[in-house]
Protein backbone atom coordinates (compact mmCIF):
# COMPACT_ATOMS: atom_id res chain seq x y z
CA MET A 1 43.49 -77.48 -13.93
CA SER A 2 43.49 -73.67 -14.03
CA SER A 3 42.42 -71.43 -11.16
CA MET A 4 39.22 -70.58 -13.06
CA SER A 5 38.28 -74.13 -14.10
CA THR A 6 35.10 -75.86 -13.02
CA ALA A 7 35.68 -78.04 -10.00
CA GLY A 8 32.85 -80.42 -10.80
CA ARG A 9 29.35 -80.70 -12.11
CA GLY A 10 27.14 -78.02 -10.56
CA ARG A 11 30.02 -76.40 -8.73
CA PRO A 12 31.18 -72.87 -9.68
CA ALA A 13 34.61 -72.27 -11.16
CA ARG A 14 37.25 -71.14 -8.72
CA LEU A 15 38.14 -67.49 -9.13
CA ASP A 16 40.89 -65.29 -7.83
CA ARG A 17 40.88 -61.52 -7.72
CA ALA A 18 43.77 -60.94 -10.12
CA SER A 19 42.49 -63.18 -12.91
CA THR A 20 39.02 -61.69 -12.57
CA VAL A 21 40.41 -58.19 -13.07
CA ASP A 22 42.38 -59.39 -16.09
CA ALA A 23 39.25 -60.88 -17.61
CA ALA A 24 37.30 -57.68 -16.87
CA LEU A 25 39.91 -55.58 -18.70
CA GLU A 26 39.78 -57.89 -21.70
CA LEU A 27 36.01 -57.66 -21.70
CA LEU A 28 36.26 -53.87 -21.45
CA ASP A 29 38.39 -53.82 -24.60
CA ASP A 30 35.88 -56.05 -26.39
CA VAL A 31 32.58 -54.40 -25.48
CA GLY A 32 33.29 -51.02 -23.83
CA LEU A 33 32.27 -49.67 -20.45
CA GLU A 34 28.56 -49.35 -21.15
CA ALA A 35 28.25 -53.06 -21.93
CA LEU A 36 30.54 -54.25 -19.15
CA THR A 37 28.29 -55.90 -16.58
CA MET A 38 28.90 -58.36 -13.78
CA ARG A 39 26.65 -60.87 -15.53
CA ARG A 40 28.54 -60.58 -18.80
CA LEU A 41 31.85 -60.92 -16.97
CA ALA A 42 30.55 -64.01 -15.19
CA ASP A 43 29.58 -65.49 -18.55
CA ARG A 44 33.08 -64.75 -19.86
CA LEU A 45 34.57 -66.59 -16.88
CA GLY A 46 32.08 -69.44 -17.01
CA VAL A 47 30.67 -68.85 -13.53
CA ARG A 48 27.48 -67.59 -11.99
CA ALA A 49 27.32 -63.85 -11.34
CA GLY A 50 27.16 -64.40 -7.60
CA ALA A 51 30.65 -65.89 -7.63
CA LEU A 52 32.13 -62.52 -8.54
CA TYR A 53 30.78 -60.91 -5.39
CA ARG A 54 33.14 -62.97 -3.27
CA HIS A 55 35.91 -60.65 -4.47
CA PHE A 56 34.01 -57.50 -5.46
CA THR A 57 30.96 -56.47 -3.48
CA THR A 58 29.80 -54.06 -6.20
CA LYS A 59 30.61 -53.28 -9.82
CA GLN A 60 32.23 -50.07 -8.58
CA ASP A 61 34.67 -52.16 -6.53
CA LEU A 62 35.56 -54.05 -9.68
CA LEU A 63 36.06 -50.84 -11.66
CA THR A 64 38.36 -49.50 -8.94
CA ALA A 65 40.48 -52.63 -9.15
CA MET A 66 40.54 -52.31 -12.93
CA ALA A 67 41.70 -48.69 -12.66
CA GLU A 68 44.49 -49.71 -10.31
CA ARG A 69 45.60 -52.46 -12.68
CA MET A 70 45.65 -50.03 -15.61
CA LEU A 71 48.17 -47.92 -13.72
CA GLN A 72 50.57 -50.82 -13.22
CA PRO A 73 53.08 -49.34 -15.73
CA LEU A 74 53.31 -46.29 -13.46
CA ALA A 75 54.40 -48.28 -10.41
CA GLN A 76 58.07 -47.74 -11.19
CA PRO A 77 59.12 -44.07 -11.16
CA PRO A 78 60.52 -42.94 -14.50
CA SER A 79 64.27 -42.60 -14.76
CA ARG A 80 65.54 -39.12 -14.08
CA PRO A 81 66.36 -37.21 -17.27
CA ALA A 82 70.05 -36.84 -17.94
CA GLY A 83 71.89 -33.55 -17.68
CA ASP A 84 70.40 -30.47 -16.13
CA ALA A 85 66.73 -31.26 -16.76
CA ASP A 86 64.62 -29.53 -14.13
CA TRP A 87 61.55 -30.58 -12.20
CA ALA A 88 59.30 -29.85 -15.21
CA ALA A 89 60.82 -32.72 -17.16
CA ARG A 90 60.33 -35.01 -14.17
CA LEU A 91 56.68 -33.96 -13.95
CA THR A 92 56.05 -34.31 -17.68
CA ALA A 93 57.13 -37.97 -17.69
CA PRO A 94 54.45 -39.29 -15.28
CA ALA A 95 51.81 -37.15 -16.99
CA HIS A 96 52.58 -38.81 -20.31
CA ALA A 97 52.72 -42.20 -18.62
CA LEU A 98 49.26 -41.71 -17.13
CA ARG A 99 47.83 -40.74 -20.51
CA ARG A 100 49.40 -43.79 -22.17
CA ALA A 101 48.01 -46.07 -19.47
CA LEU A 102 44.49 -44.72 -19.91
CA LEU A 103 44.68 -44.88 -23.71
CA ALA A 104 45.87 -48.49 -23.56
CA ARG A 105 42.35 -49.62 -22.66
CA ARG A 106 39.05 -48.93 -24.34
CA ASP A 107 37.20 -46.31 -22.26
CA GLY A 108 40.20 -46.32 -19.91
CA ALA A 109 39.74 -42.68 -18.92
CA ARG A 110 36.09 -43.25 -18.08
CA VAL A 111 36.96 -46.19 -15.86
CA PHE A 112 39.71 -44.30 -14.05
CA GLY A 113 37.66 -41.12 -13.71
CA GLY A 114 34.87 -42.87 -11.85
CA THR A 115 37.08 -44.45 -9.21
CA HIS A 116 39.19 -43.44 -6.24
CA THR A 117 41.86 -46.09 -6.16
CA THR A 118 44.51 -46.01 -3.46
CA GLY A 119 46.41 -49.07 -4.61
CA PRO A 120 50.21 -49.29 -4.85
CA HIS A 121 50.39 -48.32 -8.54
CA THR A 122 48.32 -45.20 -8.01
CA VAL A 123 50.24 -44.27 -4.87
CA ALA A 124 53.59 -44.68 -6.64
CA PHE A 125 52.44 -42.39 -9.45
CA ALA A 126 51.28 -39.77 -6.96
CA GLU A 127 54.54 -39.90 -5.03
CA THR A 128 56.58 -39.37 -8.21
CA ALA A 129 54.52 -36.40 -9.38
CA LEU A 130 54.41 -34.80 -5.94
CA GLY A 131 58.16 -35.23 -5.61
CA ALA A 132 58.69 -33.24 -8.81
CA LEU A 133 56.36 -30.52 -7.56
CA HIS A 134 58.25 -30.25 -4.29
CA GLU A 135 61.46 -29.92 -6.30
CA ALA A 136 59.79 -26.93 -7.98
CA GLY A 137 59.64 -25.29 -4.57
CA LEU A 138 55.93 -25.78 -3.89
CA GLY A 139 54.75 -26.33 -0.34
CA ASP A 140 52.57 -29.24 0.66
CA GLU A 141 49.23 -27.53 -0.04
CA ASP A 142 50.20 -26.02 -3.39
CA ALA A 143 51.85 -29.26 -4.48
CA ALA A 144 48.69 -31.19 -3.64
CA ARG A 145 46.50 -28.79 -5.60
CA ALA A 146 48.93 -28.76 -8.51
CA PHE A 147 48.90 -32.57 -8.51
CA MET A 148 45.09 -32.62 -8.66
CA THR A 149 45.18 -30.10 -11.49
CA LEU A 150 47.65 -32.24 -13.41
CA VAL A 151 45.57 -35.41 -13.00
CA ASN A 152 42.38 -33.58 -13.96
CA TYR A 153 44.06 -32.21 -17.09
CA VAL A 154 45.33 -35.63 -18.20
CA LEU A 155 42.00 -37.26 -17.41
CA GLY A 156 39.90 -34.60 -19.12
CA HIS A 157 42.07 -34.56 -22.22
CA THR A 158 42.06 -38.34 -22.48
CA LEU A 159 38.29 -38.52 -21.98
CA GLU A 160 37.79 -36.17 -24.91
CA GLU A 161 40.42 -37.98 -26.97
CA GLN A 162 38.86 -41.39 -26.50
CA ALA A 163 35.39 -40.00 -27.15
CA ALA A 164 36.58 -38.34 -30.35
CA VAL A 165 38.23 -41.52 -31.59
CA SER A 166 35.12 -43.54 -30.72
CA ASP A 167 32.95 -41.08 -32.65
CA GLY A 168 35.31 -40.91 -35.61
CA ILE A 169 37.25 -37.80 -34.50
CA GLY A 170 34.27 -35.90 -33.26
CA GLY A 171 31.82 -37.35 -35.73
CA THR A 172 31.18 -36.08 -39.24
CA GLU A 173 27.94 -34.37 -38.24
CA ALA A 174 29.54 -32.54 -35.30
CA VAL A 175 32.43 -31.33 -37.46
CA GLY A 176 29.98 -30.17 -40.10
CA ARG A 177 27.94 -28.23 -37.57
CA LEU A 178 31.05 -26.51 -36.26
CA ARG A 179 32.13 -25.63 -39.80
CA ASP A 180 28.68 -24.18 -40.50
CA ALA A 181 28.77 -22.16 -37.28
CA ALA A 182 32.23 -20.81 -38.09
CA THR A 183 31.33 -19.71 -41.60
CA ALA A 184 27.67 -18.71 -41.21
CA GLY A 185 28.36 -15.32 -39.63
CA ASP A 186 31.11 -12.97 -38.65
CA HIS A 187 33.33 -15.46 -36.82
CA PRO A 188 36.79 -15.08 -38.42
CA ARG A 189 38.66 -16.26 -35.32
CA LEU A 190 36.58 -19.42 -35.05
CA ALA A 191 36.98 -20.07 -38.76
CA ALA A 192 40.76 -19.69 -38.45
CA ALA A 193 40.83 -22.07 -35.49
CA PHE A 194 38.67 -24.68 -37.21
CA PRO A 195 41.52 -26.83 -38.58
CA VAL A 196 43.09 -27.16 -35.14
CA LEU A 197 39.79 -27.65 -33.32
CA THR A 198 38.96 -30.61 -35.56
CA SER A 199 42.48 -32.01 -35.79
CA ALA A 200 43.22 -35.56 -34.71
CA ASP A 201 46.77 -34.65 -33.66
CA PHE A 202 46.07 -35.40 -30.03
CA ASP A 203 49.74 -35.69 -29.10
CA THR A 204 50.32 -32.07 -30.09
CA HIS A 205 47.14 -30.94 -28.34
CA PHE A 206 48.22 -32.74 -25.16
CA ASP A 207 51.77 -31.43 -25.22
CA PHE A 208 50.58 -27.85 -25.65
CA GLY A 209 48.18 -28.02 -22.72
CA LEU A 210 50.74 -29.72 -20.50
CA ARG A 211 53.31 -27.06 -21.36
CA VAL A 212 50.84 -24.29 -20.47
CA LEU A 213 50.10 -25.98 -17.14
CA ILE A 214 53.76 -26.38 -16.24
CA GLU A 215 54.63 -22.82 -17.22
CA GLY A 216 51.83 -21.64 -14.97
CA LEU A 217 53.29 -23.64 -12.08
CA ARG A 218 56.64 -21.90 -12.58
CA HIS A 219 55.00 -18.61 -11.57
CA LEU A 220 53.32 -19.78 -8.37
């Protein structure tokens, strides 16, 4: 009998925290964040909603646990690049890893952005990134601020990326309005930028922004 099976007639299924988080992430992929509710999760697990509150006092507690689980691939620090790669390469790796982790789940960036997890996966990611920043010669305060800037960049980019994909790369109507705005008047720079602004090449967009951020850190 599984850990989530019904113990007997009228008795709730037995739950554990880990399997509940797993089920919540699967439900997130199926229905999205807006439709993810404690009641719907309870239905998925075959229990009453009250049973979930033994492990998570609020939905926000559940979302925090989900965010921590999403960052599980970041628990192990990336291998150091071979050769003479500098701190920038060692900072780029966790930034890409964070983006991949958020993209791996539907609305992953929205879930992560609304939480403040301090679990082991999150802490390991922070330690890796901060270590690279210290190698760059930054002191504790500047390294901390640079780390927050990095996380905010990855999160903001991924939020926009997932929203664009959900809307069909910005939505046909939105793209049309931007095209009209670019061509309606004297806006040659906007018109020239239009192909890039509406491009779905998110990898290139991300790499460019990350490169700008790191080059800025070199001059602190």
